[in-house]
Structures are given as C-alpha cells and as structure tokens.
Amino acid sequence: MKKLVLFFILSAVLITKSQTAAAQIKNYSFEQLDSLQSIEKRNVMVFIHTHWCKYCQLMQNSTFKNQKIIQLINSRFYFISLDAEETRSLVFNKQVFKYQPTGKHTGSHQLAQQLASINQKTAYPTLCFLNPANEIIFQYPQYANAKDLEKILDALLQ
C-alpha cells in the first residue's frame, strides 16, 4: 500500500514538473532581429544582467518563470538576454560592439553599456525596451517582480 501511494505521489510530481517546464521565454539574438522584424514588427525587450548580480538571478529564476509573463513576452515582444560581461563581439544596427576590459578579469560589453546606461550610470539588472526601429523607448534599471513587470509590459503595449 505504501509503495502504491508513493508511486502516485511521484507520478503527480513528475507530471506537474514536466508541464511547468515546457513553457519558457523564447530567447533571440541581436543578429536575428532584422529578419524577425521583417516577418512581424514587435518591440524588443533586452534583459541586461551579469552572472554575479543576485537580483538578476532572482529575475531569471522567479519573474521570468511566471506563466503570464512568459505568455506576454513570447506573444508580443522579441526577448534578448544580454550578459553585460559577454566577451564575444555582437552586431546590432549594422554596428559591431565589443567587450571592453577594465582590469585583469573585469570589463563590460559596449552594447550593454549603451542599452543599460541612464545618465552615464549603468545598473544591473536593466530592462531595455526598443521599438521595431531599434530605438530605446523605455529603460527599467532595477529588479522587477512578475507583478511589476506585467504592469510595465501592459503599459508598453498600449
């Protein structure tokens, strides 16, 4: 009897996990934007983060796991996740952006600096929203929980 109960509990847990793991935010690259915009014009949401930022990790593990947020982003935006310490060169708007070292093991990417800077200051995480012409229309330089992000996305869609 105990084995049967354990079997049903494990089955329920596995089924629930497989259903929730299926929905994820579709992540695109800057190089894909031109072709995506030629198919369907959408605003672009760029999540600028670092690996050491606790609030960035919290957004990745909480805010971006919310099913309503996933559905909203996937249906109405092109989402790009940009590590501010990315070392490879990126092409965006027909311009090449590179990693700029600032020390022995430190530095930041030019594109992250351009998209996340507000009054010459950069904060992580930053959400940068671009219109289909790749112009910045809104920047949010702080942690956003699912409720806050939903309000931001709704406002941008009006």
Protein backbone atom coordinates (compact mmCIF):
# COMPACT_ATOMS: atom_id res chain seq x y z
CA MET A 1 0.00 0.00 0.00
CA LYS A 2 2.85 2.40 0.88
CA LYS A 3 4.52 1.69 -2.46
CA LEU A 4 1.29 2.43 -4.32
CA VAL A 5 0.83 5.78 -2.53
CA LEU A 6 4.47 6.67 -3.15
CA PHE A 7 4.07 5.78 -6.83
CA PHE A 8 1.05 8.11 -7.21
CA ILE A 9 2.80 10.97 -5.41
CA LEU A 10 5.92 10.65 -7.56
CA SER A 11 3.80 10.41 -10.72
CA ALA A 12 1.89 13.58 -9.81
CA VAL A 13 5.11 15.47 -9.08
CA LEU A 14 6.74 14.39 -12.35
CA ILE A 15 3.66 15.27 -14.41
CA THR A 16 3.43 18.71 -12.78
CA LYS A 17 7.14 19.41 -13.33
CA SER A 18 7.01 18.38 -16.99
CA GLN A 19 4.02 20.64 -17.65
CA THR A 20 5.57 23.71 -15.99
CA ALA A 21 8.98 23.15 -17.59
CA ALA A 22 7.51 23.25 -21.08
CA ALA A 23 6.75 27.00 -21.19
CA GLN A 24 9.85 29.19 -21.41
CA ILE A 25 10.65 32.62 -22.74
CA LYS A 26 11.86 32.45 -26.34
CA ASN A 27 15.32 33.99 -26.36
CA TYR A 28 16.61 35.58 -29.57
CA SER A 29 19.94 37.14 -30.53
CA PHE A 30 20.72 40.63 -31.79
CA GLU A 31 21.79 39.11 -35.08
CA GLN A 32 18.29 37.67 -35.59
CA LEU A 33 16.41 40.95 -35.10
CA ASP A 34 16.45 42.21 -38.68
CA SER A 35 14.94 39.02 -40.07
CA LEU A 36 12.43 38.77 -37.20
CA GLN A 37 11.29 42.38 -37.69
CA SER A 38 10.82 41.75 -41.42
CA ILE A 39 8.37 38.95 -40.55
CA GLU A 40 6.50 40.73 -37.75
CA LYS A 41 7.15 44.18 -36.23
CA ARG A 42 7.44 43.96 -32.44
CA ASN A 43 9.07 45.84 -29.62
CA VAL A 44 12.24 44.23 -28.28
CA MET A 45 12.87 43.52 -24.61
CA VAL A 46 16.56 43.29 -23.67
CA PHE A 47 17.38 41.87 -20.24
CA ILE A 48 20.85 43.14 -19.33
CA HIS A 49 22.40 41.19 -16.49
CA THR A 50 25.57 39.71 -15.02
CA HIS A 51 26.31 36.32 -13.50
CA TRP A 52 27.26 37.83 -10.12
CA CYS A 53 24.14 40.00 -9.69
CA LYS A 54 21.74 38.45 -7.15
CA TYR A 55 18.77 40.49 -8.39
CA CYS A 56 19.49 39.39 -11.95
CA GLN A 57 19.45 35.77 -10.84
CA LEU A 58 16.23 36.35 -8.92
CA MET A 59 14.56 37.73 -12.04
CA GLN A 60 15.76 34.77 -14.10
CA ASN A 61 14.59 32.24 -11.52
CA SER A 62 11.34 33.90 -10.48
CA THR A 63 9.99 36.72 -12.66
CA PHE A 64 10.83 35.04 -15.96
CA LYS A 65 9.32 31.73 -14.78
CA ASN A 66 5.87 33.28 -14.26
CA GLN A 67 3.49 31.77 -16.84
CA LYS A 68 1.64 35.05 -17.50
CA ILE A 69 4.94 36.89 -18.07
CA ILE A 70 6.19 34.11 -20.37
CA GLN A 71 2.98 34.24 -22.42
CA LEU A 72 3.02 38.05 -22.65
CA ILE A 73 6.67 38.26 -23.71
CA ASN A 74 6.50 35.38 -26.19
CA SER A 75 3.38 36.69 -27.89
CA ARG A 76 4.19 40.41 -28.10
CA PHE A 77 7.95 41.00 -27.77
CA TYR A 78 11.27 39.72 -29.04
CA PHE A 79 13.29 38.88 -25.91
CA ILE A 80 17.08 39.07 -25.76
CA SER A 81 19.14 38.13 -22.73
CA LEU A 82 22.42 40.06 -22.71
CA ASP A 83 25.21 39.23 -20.28
CA ALA A 84 26.91 42.58 -19.66
CA GLU A 85 30.24 40.78 -19.42
CA GLU A 86 29.87 38.91 -22.72
CA THR A 87 33.29 38.72 -24.35
CA ARG A 88 32.33 37.99 -27.96
CA SER A 89 31.62 40.81 -30.38
CA LEU A 90 27.97 41.46 -31.24
CA VAL A 91 26.50 43.06 -34.34
CA PHE A 92 23.50 45.30 -33.76
CA ASN A 93 22.10 48.02 -36.04
CA LYS A 94 24.89 47.29 -38.52
CA GLN A 95 27.46 48.23 -35.88
CA VAL A 96 29.96 45.95 -34.11
CA PHE A 97 30.05 46.14 -30.31
CA LYS A 98 32.93 44.63 -28.33
CA TYR A 99 33.91 43.67 -24.84
CA GLN A 100 35.96 46.34 -23.09
CA PRO A 101 38.27 45.09 -20.35
CA THR A 102 38.62 47.39 -17.34
CA GLY A 103 41.02 45.23 -15.35
CA LYS A 104 42.64 41.82 -15.24
CA HIS A 105 39.38 39.86 -15.03
CA THR A 106 36.81 42.63 -15.29
CA GLY A 107 35.09 44.58 -18.01
CA SER A 108 31.81 45.12 -19.74
CA HIS A 109 30.34 44.91 -23.19
CA GLN A 110 29.88 48.11 -25.20
CA LEU A 111 26.33 47.13 -26.17
CA ALA A 112 25.36 46.52 -22.54
CA GLN A 113 26.78 49.93 -21.64
CA GLN A 114 24.83 51.60 -24.44
CA LEU A 115 21.49 49.92 -23.64
CA ALA A 116 21.69 49.97 -19.83
CA SER A 117 23.20 53.41 -19.22
CA ILE A 118 21.00 56.14 -17.86
CA ASN A 119 22.76 59.46 -17.20
CA GLN A 120 26.14 57.74 -17.71
CA LYS A 121 25.34 55.21 -14.95
CA THR A 122 24.77 51.51 -15.51
CA ALA A 123 22.81 49.26 -13.15
CA TYR A 124 22.04 45.57 -13.20
CA PRO A 125 19.56 44.24 -13.94
CA THR A 126 18.23 46.64 -16.55
CA LEU A 127 15.31 46.01 -18.86
CA CYS A 128 15.72 47.99 -22.05
CA PHE A 129 12.80 48.19 -24.46
CA LEU A 130 13.36 49.03 -28.12
CA ASN A 131 10.81 49.83 -30.79
CA PRO A 132 10.94 47.95 -34.13
CA ALA A 133 13.38 50.59 -35.42
CA ASN A 134 15.77 49.64 -32.57
CA GLU A 135 15.32 52.93 -30.71
CA ILE A 136 15.19 52.90 -26.91
CA ILE A 137 11.64 53.61 -25.75
CA PHE A 138 11.96 52.70 -22.05
CA GLN A 139 14.59 51.55 -19.56
CA TYR A 140 13.93 49.98 -16.17
CA PRO A 141 17.21 49.82 -14.19
CA GLN A 142 16.23 47.62 -11.26
CA TYR A 143 14.73 44.32 -10.18
CA ALA A 144 11.15 43.72 -11.34
CA ASN A 145 8.93 41.04 -9.86
CA ALA A 146 6.24 39.45 -12.02
CA LYS A 147 3.52 41.89 -10.90
CA ASP A 148 5.68 44.94 -11.66
CA LEU A 149 6.85 43.55 -15.00
CA GLU A 150 3.29 42.78 -16.03
CA LYS A 151 2.35 46.45 -15.42
CA ILE A 152 5.35 47.61 -17.46
CA LEU A 153 4.55 45.29 -20.35
CA ASP A 154 0.87 46.28 -20.34
CA ALA A 155 1.79 49.97 -20.40
CA LEU A 156 4.19 49.46 -23.31
CA LEU A 157 1.55 47.59 -25.29
CA GLN A 158 -0.98 50.42 -25.12
